[in-house]
């Protein structure tokens, strides 16, 4: 059971980090602009500034913190993969519950796909090709772009991507 950080960066089991790719071609390195960081652990990597937006934005911030904790774990730490999968699903459920009405359909679409990936992690497996392929679908990417725009406009989270 091998896990790699490169596939994780491309498919991340949480909605926002999939959103953070901004619907690009999957060859981007994601970074965020803003200050202060989402958590002390996120300083220098997932630098997120949340300036309002209520509970939905708070869940996005929690997702960045969970991803940071996950990427800080040793690469082959199966327990960390399982925790991340379970945490991702819980946060995705909260995203759906707290999503603003105008964004709910996009968040539901993203969490449905992202939870397939999170399920694999939660069971200690690496996500299969079919689950990862859904993260590259045009529908998923369009929803990701709309959620990223909302995060920028309403949460004060600006996500940018740069091609490697």
N, C-alpha and C. Protein backbone atom coordinates (compact mmCIF):
# COMPACT_ATOMS: atom_id res chain seq x y z
N UNK A 1 0.86 -1.17 0.00
CA UNK A 1 0.00 0.00 0.00
C UNK A 1 0.91 1.23 0.00
N UNK A 2 1.16 1.76 -1.16
CA UNK A 2 2.04 2.91 -1.29
C UNK A 2 1.23 4.16 -1.60
N UNK A 3 1.61 5.23 -0.97
CA UNK A 3 0.95 6.51 -1.19
C UNK A 3 2.00 7.49 -1.65
N UNK A 4 1.64 8.36 -2.56
CA UNK A 4 2.57 9.36 -3.03
C UNK A 4 2.01 10.75 -2.86
N UNK A 5 2.86 11.69 -2.55
CA UNK A 5 2.41 13.07 -2.37
C UNK A 5 2.05 13.70 -3.71
N UNK A 6 2.72 13.34 -4.80
CA UNK A 6 2.41 13.96 -6.09
C UNK A 6 0.98 13.69 -6.51
N UNK A 7 0.49 12.43 -6.46
CA UNK A 7 -0.91 12.21 -6.81
C UNK A 7 -1.84 12.92 -5.84
N UNK A 8 -1.45 12.99 -4.57
CA UNK A 8 -2.29 13.67 -3.59
C UNK A 8 -2.43 15.14 -3.96
N UNK A 9 -1.35 15.78 -4.37
CA UNK A 9 -1.42 17.20 -4.72
C UNK A 9 -2.36 17.40 -5.91
N UNK A 10 -2.42 16.43 -6.79
CA UNK A 10 -3.27 16.56 -7.97
C UNK A 10 -4.72 16.30 -7.66
N UNK A 11 -5.00 15.41 -6.68
CA UNK A 11 -6.39 15.03 -6.47
C UNK A 11 -6.95 15.35 -5.10
N UNK A 12 -6.14 15.67 -4.15
CA UNK A 12 -6.52 15.99 -2.78
C UNK A 12 -7.98 15.67 -2.44
N UNK A 13 -8.14 14.94 -1.37
CA UNK A 13 -9.48 14.47 -0.99
C UNK A 13 -10.39 15.53 -0.43
N UNK A 14 -9.93 16.73 -0.31
CA UNK A 14 -10.81 17.78 0.20
C UNK A 14 -11.22 18.68 -0.92
N UNK A 15 -12.38 19.18 -0.79
CA UNK A 15 -12.95 20.00 -1.86
C UNK A 15 -12.13 21.25 -2.13
N UNK A 16 -11.75 21.98 -1.13
CA UNK A 16 -11.09 23.24 -1.40
C UNK A 16 -9.76 23.05 -2.11
N UNK A 17 -9.00 22.08 -1.71
CA UNK A 17 -7.72 21.94 -2.38
C UNK A 17 -7.90 21.48 -3.82
N UNK A 18 -8.91 20.74 -4.08
CA UNK A 18 -9.24 20.46 -5.48
C UNK A 18 -9.69 21.75 -6.14
N UNK A 19 -10.42 22.54 -5.41
CA UNK A 19 -10.85 23.84 -5.89
C UNK A 19 -9.64 24.74 -6.11
N UNK A 20 -8.69 24.63 -5.23
CA UNK A 20 -7.54 25.52 -5.29
C UNK A 20 -6.79 25.39 -6.60
N UNK A 21 -6.90 24.23 -7.23
CA UNK A 21 -6.25 24.08 -8.53
C UNK A 21 -6.92 24.94 -9.58
N UNK A 22 -8.09 25.48 -9.23
CA UNK A 22 -8.77 26.43 -10.11
C UNK A 22 -9.23 25.82 -11.41
N UNK A 23 -9.34 24.49 -11.43
CA UNK A 23 -9.83 23.86 -12.64
C UNK A 23 -8.80 23.81 -13.75
N UNK A 24 -7.52 23.90 -13.40
CA UNK A 24 -6.48 23.88 -14.41
C UNK A 24 -6.29 22.48 -14.99
N UNK A 25 -5.14 22.24 -15.59
CA UNK A 25 -4.92 20.97 -16.26
C UNK A 25 -4.29 19.92 -15.36
N UNK A 26 -4.17 20.19 -14.06
CA UNK A 26 -3.61 19.22 -13.15
C UNK A 26 -2.10 19.31 -13.02
N UNK A 27 -1.47 20.23 -13.74
CA UNK A 27 -0.02 20.37 -13.69
C UNK A 27 0.40 21.63 -12.94
N UNK A 28 -0.44 22.05 -12.02
CA UNK A 28 -0.14 23.28 -11.30
C UNK A 28 0.37 22.99 -9.90
N UNK A 29 1.16 23.90 -9.40
CA UNK A 29 1.51 23.91 -7.98
C UNK A 29 0.60 24.95 -7.36
N UNK A 30 -0.10 24.56 -6.33
CA UNK A 30 -1.08 25.47 -5.75
C UNK A 30 -0.45 26.28 -4.63
N UNK A 31 -0.76 27.54 -4.61
CA UNK A 31 -0.34 28.39 -3.51
C UNK A 31 -1.44 29.40 -3.27
N UNK A 32 -1.47 29.93 -2.09
CA UNK A 32 -2.48 30.93 -1.78
C UNK A 32 -1.78 32.20 -1.33
N UNK A 33 -2.47 33.32 -1.53
CA UNK A 33 -1.91 34.59 -1.12
C UNK A 33 -2.76 35.12 0.03
N UNK A 34 -2.13 35.84 0.91
CA UNK A 34 -2.84 36.45 2.00
C UNK A 34 -2.07 36.29 3.29
N UNK A 35 -2.51 36.98 4.31
CA UNK A 35 -1.89 36.87 5.61
C UNK A 35 -2.98 37.14 6.63
N UNK A 36 -2.94 36.56 7.75
CA UNK A 36 -2.00 35.59 8.27
C UNK A 36 -2.32 34.20 7.76
N UNK A 37 -1.42 33.21 8.04
CA UNK A 37 -1.68 31.85 7.61
C UNK A 37 -2.88 31.25 8.32
N UNK A 38 -3.45 30.19 7.74
CA UNK A 38 -4.61 29.51 8.31
C UNK A 38 -4.29 28.93 9.67
N UNK A 39 -3.11 28.47 9.87
CA UNK A 39 -2.67 27.92 11.15
C UNK A 39 -1.16 28.10 11.21
N UNK A 40 -0.58 28.02 12.40
CA UNK A 40 0.88 28.15 12.47
C UNK A 40 1.58 27.12 11.59
N UNK A 41 1.03 25.90 11.51
CA UNK A 41 1.66 24.86 10.70
C UNK A 41 1.62 25.20 9.22
N UNK A 42 0.70 26.05 8.83
CA UNK A 42 0.55 26.36 7.41
C UNK A 42 1.48 27.47 6.94
N UNK A 43 2.16 28.11 7.84
CA UNK A 43 3.03 29.22 7.46
C UNK A 43 4.03 28.77 6.41
N UNK A 44 4.13 29.52 5.35
CA UNK A 44 5.10 29.24 4.31
C UNK A 44 4.62 28.26 3.26
N UNK A 45 3.50 27.55 3.51
CA UNK A 45 3.01 26.60 2.52
C UNK A 45 1.60 27.00 2.12
N UNK A 46 0.62 26.60 2.89
CA UNK A 46 -0.77 26.90 2.57
C UNK A 46 -1.16 28.19 3.27
N UNK A 47 -0.67 29.28 2.75
CA UNK A 47 -0.87 30.58 3.38
C UNK A 47 -2.24 31.11 2.99
N UNK A 48 -3.16 31.02 3.93
CA UNK A 48 -4.56 31.36 3.67
C UNK A 48 -4.97 32.49 4.58
N UNK A 49 -5.66 33.44 4.02
CA UNK A 49 -6.23 34.52 4.81
C UNK A 49 -7.74 34.42 4.70
N UNK A 50 -8.39 34.23 5.82
CA UNK A 50 -9.84 34.16 5.84
C UNK A 50 -10.35 35.42 6.51
N UNK A 51 -11.05 36.23 5.76
CA UNK A 51 -11.52 37.51 6.27
C UNK A 51 -13.04 37.58 6.19
N UNK A 52 -13.69 36.66 6.87
CA UNK A 52 -15.15 36.69 6.87
C UNK A 52 -15.73 35.52 6.13
N UNK A 53 -17.01 35.63 5.79
CA UNK A 53 -17.67 34.58 5.04
C UNK A 53 -18.38 33.56 5.88
N UNK A 54 -18.28 33.65 7.19
CA UNK A 54 -19.03 32.77 8.07
C UNK A 54 -18.51 31.35 8.14
N UNK A 55 -19.44 30.44 8.49
CA UNK A 55 -19.07 29.05 8.76
C UNK A 55 -18.49 28.34 7.54
N UNK A 56 -19.02 28.64 6.36
CA UNK A 56 -18.49 28.02 5.14
C UNK A 56 -17.00 28.32 5.00
N UNK A 57 -16.62 29.55 5.19
CA UNK A 57 -15.22 29.94 5.09
C UNK A 57 -14.39 29.30 6.20
N UNK A 58 -14.99 29.16 7.38
CA UNK A 58 -14.29 28.49 8.48
C UNK A 58 -13.97 27.04 8.12
N UNK A 59 -14.87 26.36 7.43
CA UNK A 59 -14.64 24.98 7.03
C UNK A 59 -13.52 24.92 5.99
N UNK A 60 -13.50 25.86 5.08
CA UNK A 60 -12.42 25.91 4.09
C UNK A 60 -11.08 26.06 4.80
N UNK A 61 -11.03 26.93 5.77
CA UNK A 61 -9.81 27.14 6.55
C UNK A 61 -9.40 25.84 7.26
N UNK A 62 -10.37 25.13 7.81
CA UNK A 62 -10.08 23.86 8.49
C UNK A 62 -9.54 22.83 7.50
N UNK A 63 -10.03 22.87 6.26
CA UNK A 63 -9.52 21.93 5.25
C UNK A 63 -8.05 22.20 4.94
N UNK A 64 -7.67 23.46 4.84
CA UNK A 64 -6.26 23.77 4.60
C UNK A 64 -5.41 23.26 5.77
N UNK A 65 -5.89 23.45 6.99
CA UNK A 65 -5.13 22.98 8.15
C UNK A 65 -5.01 21.45 8.14
N UNK A 66 -6.07 20.74 7.79
CA UNK A 66 -6.04 19.27 7.74
C UNK A 66 -5.07 18.80 6.67
N UNK A 67 -5.08 19.47 5.51
CA UNK A 67 -4.17 19.08 4.45
C UNK A 67 -2.72 19.33 4.86
N UNK A 68 -2.47 20.43 5.53
CA UNK A 68 -1.13 20.74 5.99
C UNK A 68 -0.65 19.67 6.96
N UNK A 69 -1.51 19.28 7.89
CA UNK A 69 -1.14 18.23 8.85
C UNK A 69 -0.83 16.93 8.11
N UNK A 70 -1.64 16.62 7.11
CA UNK A 70 -1.44 15.41 6.32
C UNK A 70 -0.10 15.44 5.57
N UNK A 71 0.20 16.54 4.92
CA UNK A 71 1.44 16.61 4.14
C UNK A 71 2.67 16.67 5.04
N UNK A 72 2.49 17.03 6.31
CA UNK A 72 3.61 17.02 7.25
C UNK A 72 3.91 15.62 7.77
N UNK A 73 2.99 14.67 7.59
CA UNK A 73 3.17 13.30 8.08
C UNK A 73 4.15 12.56 7.19
N UNK A 74 4.81 11.54 7.74
CA UNK A 74 5.70 10.72 6.90
C UNK A 74 4.93 10.11 5.73
N UNK A 75 5.59 9.98 4.61
CA UNK A 75 4.97 9.55 3.36
C UNK A 75 4.24 8.22 3.49
N UNK A 76 4.78 7.26 4.20
CA UNK A 76 4.17 5.94 4.30
C UNK A 76 3.39 5.73 5.60
N UNK A 77 3.00 6.78 6.24
CA UNK A 77 2.23 6.69 7.48
C UNK A 77 0.76 6.39 7.15
N UNK A 78 0.41 5.11 7.14
CA UNK A 78 -0.94 4.68 6.77
C UNK A 78 -1.98 5.27 7.72
N UNK A 79 -1.65 5.37 9.00
CA UNK A 79 -2.58 5.96 9.97
C UNK A 79 -2.90 7.41 9.60
N UNK A 80 -1.89 8.15 9.12
CA UNK A 80 -2.12 9.54 8.71
C UNK A 80 -3.03 9.59 7.49
N UNK A 81 -2.87 8.66 6.56
CA UNK A 81 -3.74 8.60 5.38
C UNK A 81 -5.18 8.33 5.80
N UNK A 82 -5.35 7.39 6.73
CA UNK A 82 -6.70 7.06 7.19
C UNK A 82 -7.34 8.25 7.90
N UNK A 83 -6.58 8.90 8.79
CA UNK A 83 -7.10 10.09 9.49
C UNK A 83 -7.50 11.17 8.50
N UNK A 84 -6.65 11.39 7.50
CA UNK A 84 -6.93 12.42 6.51
C UNK A 84 -8.20 12.09 5.73
N UNK A 85 -8.37 10.85 5.35
CA UNK A 85 -9.57 10.45 4.63
C UNK A 85 -10.82 10.69 5.46
N UNK A 86 -10.78 10.29 6.72
CA UNK A 86 -11.95 10.49 7.60
C UNK A 86 -12.21 11.97 7.85
N UNK A 87 -11.14 12.73 8.10
CA UNK A 87 -11.29 14.17 8.34
C UNK A 87 -11.83 14.86 7.09
N UNK A 88 -11.33 14.47 5.93
CA UNK A 88 -11.80 15.07 4.68
C UNK A 88 -13.29 14.87 4.50
N UNK A 89 -13.75 13.66 4.73
CA UNK A 89 -15.19 13.38 4.59
C UNK A 89 -16.02 14.21 5.56
N UNK A 90 -15.56 14.30 6.80
CA UNK A 90 -16.28 15.09 7.80
C UNK A 90 -16.33 16.56 7.39
N UNK A 91 -15.22 17.10 6.93
CA UNK A 91 -15.19 18.50 6.51
C UNK A 91 -16.01 18.71 5.24
N UNK A 92 -15.98 17.75 4.33
CA UNK A 92 -16.80 17.87 3.13
C UNK A 92 -18.28 17.90 3.48
N UNK A 93 -18.68 17.08 4.45
CA UNK A 93 -20.08 17.10 4.90
C UNK A 93 -20.44 18.47 5.47
N UNK A 94 -19.52 19.05 6.24
CA UNK A 94 -19.75 20.39 6.80
C UNK A 94 -19.83 21.44 5.70
N UNK A 95 -19.00 21.28 4.66
CA UNK A 95 -19.05 22.23 3.55
C UNK A 95 -20.44 22.24 2.91
N UNK A 96 -20.98 21.06 2.69
CA UNK A 96 -22.32 20.97 2.08
C UNK A 96 -23.34 21.65 2.98
N UNK A 97 -23.26 21.38 4.27
CA UNK A 97 -24.24 21.94 5.22
C UNK A 97 -24.13 23.45 5.35
N UNK A 98 -22.94 23.99 5.16
CA UNK A 98 -22.75 25.43 5.35
C UNK A 98 -22.67 26.22 4.05
N UNK A 99 -22.72 25.52 2.92
CA UNK A 99 -22.59 26.20 1.63
C UNK A 99 -23.73 27.18 1.41
N UNK A 100 -23.42 28.36 0.89
CA UNK A 100 -24.47 29.31 0.54
C UNK A 100 -25.33 28.72 -0.59
N UNK A 101 -26.58 29.11 -0.61
CA UNK A 101 -27.53 28.55 -1.57
C UNK A 101 -27.02 28.62 -3.01
N UNK A 102 -26.41 29.75 -3.39
CA UNK A 102 -25.97 29.91 -4.78
C UNK A 102 -24.79 29.01 -5.15
N UNK A 103 -24.16 28.40 -4.16
CA UNK A 103 -22.99 27.57 -4.39
C UNK A 103 -23.24 26.10 -4.06
N UNK A 104 -24.37 25.81 -3.48
CA UNK A 104 -24.64 24.46 -2.96
C UNK A 104 -24.49 23.37 -4.02
N UNK A 105 -25.02 23.55 -5.22
CA UNK A 105 -24.94 22.52 -6.25
C UNK A 105 -23.48 22.22 -6.61
N UNK A 106 -22.64 23.25 -6.69
CA UNK A 106 -21.23 23.04 -7.00
C UNK A 106 -20.52 22.32 -5.86
N UNK A 107 -20.82 22.69 -4.63
CA UNK A 107 -20.19 22.04 -3.48
C UNK A 107 -20.63 20.58 -3.39
N UNK A 108 -21.90 20.30 -3.63
CA UNK A 108 -22.39 18.92 -3.63
C UNK A 108 -21.67 18.11 -4.70
N UNK A 109 -21.53 18.68 -5.89
CA UNK A 109 -20.84 17.97 -6.98
C UNK A 109 -19.39 17.67 -6.61
N UNK A 110 -18.73 18.64 -6.02
CA UNK A 110 -17.33 18.44 -5.65
C UNK A 110 -17.19 17.42 -4.52
N UNK A 111 -18.02 17.52 -3.51
CA UNK A 111 -17.87 16.60 -2.38
C UNK A 111 -18.20 15.17 -2.77
N UNK A 112 -19.13 14.99 -3.68
CA UNK A 112 -19.46 13.64 -4.14
C UNK A 112 -18.21 12.98 -4.73
N UNK A 113 -17.51 13.70 -5.57
CA UNK A 113 -16.30 13.17 -6.20
C UNK A 113 -15.17 13.06 -5.17
N UNK A 114 -14.95 14.10 -4.40
CA UNK A 114 -13.85 14.12 -3.44
C UNK A 114 -14.03 13.03 -2.37
N UNK A 115 -15.26 12.74 -2.00
CA UNK A 115 -15.48 11.70 -1.00
C UNK A 115 -15.11 10.32 -1.52
N UNK A 116 -15.19 10.11 -2.81
CA UNK A 116 -14.72 8.85 -3.37
C UNK A 116 -13.23 8.65 -3.14
N UNK A 117 -12.49 9.72 -3.27
CA UNK A 117 -11.05 9.68 -3.01
C UNK A 117 -10.81 9.54 -1.50
N UNK A 118 -11.55 10.30 -0.71
CA UNK A 118 -11.39 10.25 0.75
C UNK A 118 -11.71 8.85 1.29
N UNK A 119 -12.71 8.18 0.70
CA UNK A 119 -13.05 6.82 1.12
C UNK A 119 -11.85 5.89 0.98
N UNK A 120 -11.13 6.02 -0.12
CA UNK A 120 -9.95 5.18 -0.32
C UNK A 120 -8.92 5.44 0.77
N UNK A 121 -8.63 6.69 1.03
CA UNK A 121 -7.68 7.03 2.09
C UNK A 121 -8.15 6.51 3.44
N UNK A 122 -9.42 6.70 3.75
CA UNK A 122 -9.96 6.29 5.05
C UNK A 122 -9.85 4.78 5.26
N UNK A 123 -9.87 4.02 4.17
CA UNK A 123 -9.74 2.57 4.29
C UNK A 123 -8.29 2.11 4.19
N UNK A 124 -7.37 3.04 4.06
CA UNK A 124 -5.96 2.70 4.00
C UNK A 124 -5.46 2.34 2.62
N UNK A 125 -6.24 2.66 1.59
CA UNK A 125 -5.85 2.37 0.22
C UNK A 125 -5.50 3.67 -0.51
N UNK A 126 -4.77 3.51 -1.58
CA UNK A 126 -4.53 4.63 -2.48
C UNK A 126 -5.73 4.73 -3.42
N UNK A 127 -6.18 5.92 -3.76
CA UNK A 127 -7.34 6.06 -4.66
C UNK A 127 -7.08 5.43 -6.02
N UNK A 128 -8.09 4.81 -6.58
CA UNK A 128 -7.97 4.18 -7.89
C UNK A 128 -8.02 5.20 -9.01
N UNK A 129 -7.66 4.74 -10.18
CA UNK A 129 -7.62 5.61 -11.36
C UNK A 129 -8.99 6.20 -11.67
N UNK A 130 -10.05 5.43 -11.47
CA UNK A 130 -11.40 5.94 -11.78
C UNK A 130 -11.76 7.11 -10.87
N UNK A 131 -11.42 7.00 -9.58
CA UNK A 131 -11.72 8.09 -8.64
C UNK A 131 -10.91 9.34 -9.00
N UNK A 132 -9.66 9.15 -9.34
CA UNK A 132 -8.81 10.28 -9.70
C UNK A 132 -9.26 10.93 -11.01
N UNK A 133 -9.72 10.12 -11.95
CA UNK A 133 -10.17 10.65 -13.24
C UNK A 133 -11.36 11.59 -13.07
N UNK A 134 -12.23 11.30 -12.11
CA UNK A 134 -13.38 12.18 -11.88
C UNK A 134 -12.96 13.58 -11.45
N UNK A 135 -11.81 13.68 -10.80
CA UNK A 135 -11.31 14.99 -10.38
C UNK A 135 -10.85 15.83 -11.57
N UNK A 136 -10.69 15.20 -12.72
CA UNK A 136 -10.27 15.92 -13.92
C UNK A 136 -11.42 16.15 -14.89
N UNK A 137 -12.63 15.77 -14.50
CA UNK A 137 -13.77 15.94 -15.42
C UNK A 137 -14.10 17.42 -15.61
N UNK A 138 -14.62 17.78 -16.77
CA UNK A 138 -14.99 19.18 -17.02
C UNK A 138 -16.02 19.70 -16.01
N UNK A 139 -16.96 18.86 -15.61
CA UNK A 139 -17.99 19.28 -14.66
C UNK A 139 -17.37 19.61 -13.30
N UNK A 140 -16.47 18.74 -12.86
CA UNK A 140 -15.81 18.95 -11.57
C UNK A 140 -14.96 20.21 -11.60
N UNK A 141 -14.22 20.39 -12.68
CA UNK A 141 -13.35 21.57 -12.80
C UNK A 141 -14.15 22.87 -12.87
N UNK A 142 -15.29 22.84 -13.54
CA UNK A 142 -16.13 24.04 -13.61
C UNK A 142 -16.66 24.39 -12.23
N UNK A 143 -17.10 23.38 -11.48
CA UNK A 143 -17.56 23.62 -10.11
C UNK A 143 -16.42 24.16 -9.26
N UNK A 144 -15.22 23.62 -9.45
CA UNK A 144 -14.05 24.07 -8.70
C UNK A 144 -13.76 25.54 -8.96
N UNK A 145 -13.86 25.95 -10.21
CA UNK A 145 -13.61 27.37 -10.54
C UNK A 145 -14.63 28.28 -9.84
N UNK A 146 -15.89 27.86 -9.83
CA UNK A 146 -16.93 28.69 -9.20
C UNK A 146 -16.73 28.76 -7.68
N UNK A 147 -16.37 27.66 -7.06
CA UNK A 147 -16.14 27.67 -5.61
C UNK A 147 -14.90 28.51 -5.29
N UNK A 148 -13.85 28.40 -6.10
CA UNK A 148 -12.65 29.21 -5.88
C UNK A 148 -12.96 30.70 -5.99
N UNK A 149 -13.79 31.07 -6.96
CA UNK A 149 -14.17 32.47 -7.11
C UNK A 149 -14.95 32.94 -5.89
N UNK A 150 -15.85 32.10 -5.40
CA UNK A 150 -16.62 32.46 -4.20
C UNK A 150 -15.67 32.63 -3.00
N UNK A 151 -14.73 31.71 -2.85
CA UNK A 151 -13.79 31.78 -1.73
C UNK A 151 -13.00 33.09 -1.78
N UNK A 152 -12.64 33.51 -2.98
CA UNK A 152 -11.90 34.77 -3.12
C UNK A 152 -12.80 35.97 -2.78
N UNK A 153 -14.00 35.97 -3.34
CA UNK A 153 -14.87 37.13 -3.18
C UNK A 153 -15.52 37.26 -1.81
N UNK A 154 -15.81 36.13 -1.17
CA UNK A 154 -16.58 36.16 0.08
C UNK A 154 -15.82 35.74 1.32
N UNK A 155 -14.73 35.00 1.14
CA UNK A 155 -13.96 34.51 2.28
C UNK A 155 -12.63 35.23 2.42
N UNK A 156 -12.23 35.95 1.39
CA UNK A 156 -10.92 36.59 1.43
C UNK A 156 -9.79 35.62 1.19
N UNK A 157 -10.10 34.49 0.56
CA UNK A 157 -9.09 33.48 0.26
C UNK A 157 -8.81 33.57 -1.22
N UNK A 158 -7.59 33.95 -1.55
CA UNK A 158 -7.22 34.04 -2.96
C UNK A 158 -6.30 32.89 -3.27
N UNK A 159 -6.71 32.05 -4.17
CA UNK A 159 -5.94 30.89 -4.56
C UNK A 159 -5.41 31.14 -5.95
N UNK A 160 -4.12 30.94 -6.12
CA UNK A 160 -3.53 31.10 -7.43
C UNK A 160 -2.80 29.84 -7.79
N UNK A 161 -2.63 29.57 -9.05
CA UNK A 161 -1.91 28.40 -9.54
C UNK A 161 -0.83 28.87 -10.50
N UNK A 162 0.27 28.18 -10.46
CA UNK A 162 1.33 28.42 -11.42
C UNK A 162 1.74 27.10 -12.01
N UNK A 163 1.94 27.06 -13.30
CA UNK A 163 2.34 25.85 -13.98
C UNK A 163 3.81 25.57 -13.67
N UNK A 164 4.09 24.29 -13.40
CA UNK A 164 5.48 23.87 -13.10
C UNK A 164 6.35 24.01 -14.33
